[in-house]
Structures are given as C-alpha cells and as structure tokens.
C-alpha cells in the first residue's frame, strides 16, 4: 500500500516541495507509482523512493501528473 507523506528532499539535483503529496515506492517496481509517475530513489543503496511526475508532466492541484502546457 502506498503511504502519503510530506517532505523536503534534495538529492541528485531533485527537489520536492513540502506542500506536495507524494507516494512512497520501491525503485524498480513498475506498478508502485500512479500513471505518468516514476519511482525516484531517496538514498543511495536503498530501494526506497518517492513517485514523481515523468518528464514533461507536472503535478496539478488534485495531485495527478498531467502534461505540461
């Protein structure tokens, strides 16, 4: 089951805003993230991650990743 949580995260040039809602996931598990999202590793040598929008998508006010533009 996915857990919702809030965090501030800076790593690998990625930033996650504390006001955004994210799902936890396991890196390499394709079905862990909602549509149009990928699992991004939180810590080196760990499979734990958070789901983030794929390239050219952004999270809208309802929390879904939608195309930019």
N, C-alpha and C. Protein backbone atom coordinates (compact mmCIF):
# COMPACT_ATOMS: atom_id res chain seq x y z
N UNK A 1 0.84 -1.17 0.00
CA UNK A 1 0.00 0.00 0.00
C UNK A 1 0.89 1.24 0.00
N UNK A 2 0.47 2.24 -0.73
CA UNK A 2 1.22 3.49 -0.79
C UNK A 2 0.92 4.35 0.43
N UNK A 3 1.92 5.01 0.92
CA UNK A 3 1.75 5.91 2.05
C UNK A 3 1.95 7.34 1.57
N UNK A 4 1.04 8.22 1.93
CA UNK A 4 1.20 9.63 1.60
C UNK A 4 2.03 10.29 2.69
N UNK A 5 2.92 11.17 2.28
CA UNK A 5 3.69 11.90 3.27
C UNK A 5 4.20 13.20 2.68
N UNK A 6 4.65 14.06 3.54
CA UNK A 6 5.18 15.35 3.14
C UNK A 6 6.66 15.39 3.52
N UNK A 7 7.47 15.98 2.65
CA UNK A 7 8.88 16.04 2.98
C UNK A 7 9.56 17.15 2.18
N UNK A 8 10.72 17.50 2.62
CA UNK A 8 11.61 18.35 1.83
C UNK A 8 12.79 17.47 1.50
N UNK A 9 13.10 17.33 0.22
CA UNK A 9 14.09 16.36 -0.21
C UNK A 9 14.97 16.98 -1.28
N UNK A 10 16.28 16.96 -1.06
CA UNK A 10 17.23 17.46 -2.04
C UNK A 10 18.29 16.40 -2.28
N UNK A 11 18.38 15.89 -3.48
CA UNK A 11 19.38 14.89 -3.82
C UNK A 11 19.43 14.76 -5.32
N UNK A 12 20.58 14.53 -5.86
CA UNK A 12 20.74 14.33 -7.30
C UNK A 12 20.14 15.47 -8.10
N UNK A 13 20.13 16.68 -7.54
CA UNK A 13 19.59 17.83 -8.25
C UNK A 13 18.07 17.86 -8.27
N UNK A 14 17.42 16.99 -7.53
CA UNK A 14 15.96 16.96 -7.47
C UNK A 14 15.51 17.65 -6.21
N UNK A 15 14.39 18.32 -6.28
CA UNK A 15 13.83 18.90 -5.07
C UNK A 15 12.35 18.54 -4.99
N UNK A 16 11.89 18.33 -3.79
CA UNK A 16 10.50 18.03 -3.56
C UNK A 16 9.98 19.06 -2.58
N UNK A 17 8.94 19.75 -2.96
CA UNK A 17 8.35 20.80 -2.14
C UNK A 17 7.58 20.17 -0.99
N UNK A 18 7.66 20.76 0.19
CA UNK A 18 6.99 20.24 1.37
C UNK A 18 5.47 20.29 1.23
N UNK A 19 4.94 21.09 0.33
CA UNK A 19 3.50 21.20 0.17
C UNK A 19 2.95 20.16 -0.81
N UNK A 20 3.81 19.43 -1.50
CA UNK A 20 3.36 18.42 -2.45
C UNK A 20 3.15 17.08 -1.75
N UNK A 21 2.18 16.33 -2.23
CA UNK A 21 1.90 15.00 -1.72
C UNK A 21 2.57 13.99 -2.62
N UNK A 22 3.24 13.02 -2.05
CA UNK A 22 3.95 12.01 -2.82
C UNK A 22 3.63 10.63 -2.27
N UNK A 23 3.73 9.64 -3.14
CA UNK A 23 3.56 8.25 -2.74
C UNK A 23 4.94 7.64 -2.52
N UNK A 24 5.04 6.79 -1.53
CA UNK A 24 6.28 6.04 -1.36
C UNK A 24 6.25 4.88 -2.35
N UNK A 25 7.43 4.41 -2.73
CA UNK A 25 7.51 3.34 -3.72
C UNK A 25 8.81 2.57 -3.53
N UNK A 26 8.94 1.48 -4.28
CA UNK A 26 10.16 0.71 -4.30
C UNK A 26 10.75 0.81 -5.70
N UNK A 27 11.99 1.31 -5.79
CA UNK A 27 12.66 1.50 -7.07
C UNK A 27 12.70 0.18 -7.82
N UNK A 28 12.33 0.21 -9.09
CA UNK A 28 12.34 -0.98 -9.93
C UNK A 28 11.00 -1.69 -10.03
N UNK A 29 10.04 -1.30 -9.21
CA UNK A 29 8.71 -1.90 -9.26
C UNK A 29 7.81 -0.99 -10.10
N UNK A 30 7.56 -1.38 -11.31
CA UNK A 30 6.82 -0.56 -12.27
C UNK A 30 5.44 -0.17 -11.77
N UNK A 31 4.77 -1.05 -11.05
CA UNK A 31 3.39 -0.79 -10.64
C UNK A 31 3.25 0.00 -9.34
N UNK A 32 4.35 0.41 -8.74
CA UNK A 32 4.29 1.11 -7.45
C UNK A 32 3.77 2.54 -7.55
N UNK A 33 3.93 3.20 -8.69
CA UNK A 33 3.55 4.60 -8.83
C UNK A 33 2.31 4.76 -9.70
N UNK A 34 1.54 5.82 -9.45
CA UNK A 34 0.38 6.09 -10.30
C UNK A 34 0.78 6.38 -11.75
N UNK A 35 -0.19 6.45 -12.62
CA UNK A 35 0.04 6.73 -14.04
C UNK A 35 0.83 8.02 -14.22
N UNK A 36 1.75 8.03 -15.16
CA UNK A 36 2.59 9.18 -15.51
C UNK A 36 3.59 9.56 -14.41
N UNK A 37 3.94 8.60 -13.55
CA UNK A 37 4.92 8.84 -12.50
C UNK A 37 5.96 7.73 -12.49
N UNK A 38 7.15 8.06 -11.97
CA UNK A 38 8.22 7.09 -11.82
C UNK A 38 8.72 7.13 -10.38
N UNK A 39 9.35 6.05 -9.96
CA UNK A 39 9.90 5.98 -8.61
C UNK A 39 11.32 6.53 -8.63
N UNK A 40 11.58 7.53 -7.80
CA UNK A 40 12.90 8.15 -7.71
C UNK A 40 13.53 7.76 -6.38
N UNK A 41 14.73 7.20 -6.45
CA UNK A 41 15.45 6.73 -5.27
C UNK A 41 15.71 7.85 -4.29
N UNK A 42 15.48 7.59 -3.00
CA UNK A 42 15.72 8.59 -1.95
C UNK A 42 17.16 8.61 -1.48
N UNK A 43 17.73 7.43 -1.26
CA UNK A 43 19.07 7.31 -0.69
C UNK A 43 19.85 6.27 -1.50
N UNK A 44 21.11 6.56 -1.78
CA UNK A 44 21.96 5.61 -2.48
C UNK A 44 21.97 4.27 -1.76
N UNK A 45 21.97 3.19 -2.50
CA UNK A 45 22.00 1.82 -1.98
C UNK A 45 20.71 1.43 -1.25
N UNK A 46 19.61 2.11 -1.56
CA UNK A 46 18.32 1.77 -0.99
C UNK A 46 17.31 1.67 -2.13
N UNK A 47 16.33 0.82 -1.98
CA UNK A 47 15.27 0.70 -3.00
C UNK A 47 14.10 1.61 -2.67
N UNK A 48 14.14 2.28 -1.52
CA UNK A 48 13.05 3.18 -1.14
C UNK A 48 13.09 4.43 -2.00
N UNK A 49 11.91 4.92 -2.35
CA UNK A 49 11.83 6.12 -3.17
C UNK A 49 10.50 6.80 -3.04
N UNK A 50 10.32 7.85 -3.84
CA UNK A 50 9.04 8.55 -3.92
C UNK A 50 8.66 8.64 -5.39
N UNK A 51 7.37 8.66 -5.64
CA UNK A 51 6.87 8.78 -7.01
C UNK A 51 6.89 10.26 -7.41
N UNK A 52 7.44 10.51 -8.59
CA UNK A 52 7.47 11.86 -9.14
C UNK A 52 6.98 11.81 -10.58
N UNK A 53 6.46 12.92 -11.05
CA UNK A 53 5.96 13.01 -12.42
C UNK A 53 7.07 12.71 -13.42
N UNK A 54 6.71 12.01 -14.52
CA UNK A 54 7.66 11.75 -15.60
C UNK A 54 7.97 13.06 -16.31
N UNK A 55 9.00 13.03 -17.15
CA UNK A 55 9.41 14.22 -17.90
C UNK A 55 8.25 14.79 -18.70
N UNK A 56 8.16 16.10 -18.75
CA UNK A 56 7.12 16.86 -19.46
C UNK A 56 5.75 16.76 -18.81
N UNK A 57 5.70 16.31 -17.55
CA UNK A 57 4.45 16.29 -16.77
C UNK A 57 4.68 17.04 -15.48
N UNK A 58 3.60 17.56 -14.91
CA UNK A 58 3.69 18.24 -13.62
C UNK A 58 2.47 17.87 -12.78
N UNK A 59 2.63 17.95 -11.46
CA UNK A 59 1.55 17.60 -10.55
C UNK A 59 0.56 18.76 -10.48
N UNK A 60 -0.73 18.46 -10.70
CA UNK A 60 -1.75 19.51 -10.63
C UNK A 60 -2.28 19.63 -9.20
N UNK A 61 -3.24 20.53 -9.01
CA UNK A 61 -3.74 20.81 -7.66
C UNK A 61 -4.46 19.61 -7.02
N UNK A 62 -4.89 18.65 -7.83
CA UNK A 62 -5.52 17.45 -7.28
C UNK A 62 -4.53 16.32 -7.04
N UNK A 63 -3.24 16.58 -7.33
CA UNK A 63 -2.20 15.60 -7.06
C UNK A 63 -1.88 14.65 -8.21
N UNK A 64 -2.54 14.83 -9.35
CA UNK A 64 -2.29 13.98 -10.52
C UNK A 64 -1.21 14.60 -11.41
N UNK A 65 -0.42 13.76 -12.07
CA UNK A 65 0.58 14.25 -13.01
C UNK A 65 -0.07 14.41 -14.38
N UNK A 66 -0.04 15.63 -14.88
CA UNK A 66 -0.66 15.96 -16.16
C UNK A 66 0.38 16.60 -17.09
N UNK A 67 0.17 16.53 -18.40
CA UNK A 67 1.13 17.12 -19.33
C UNK A 67 1.33 18.62 -19.09
N UNK A 68 2.57 19.06 -19.25
CA UNK A 68 2.89 20.48 -19.12
C UNK A 68 2.41 21.17 -20.40
N UNK A 69 1.75 22.31 -20.23
CA UNK A 69 1.35 23.08 -21.40
C UNK A 69 -0.02 22.93 -21.82
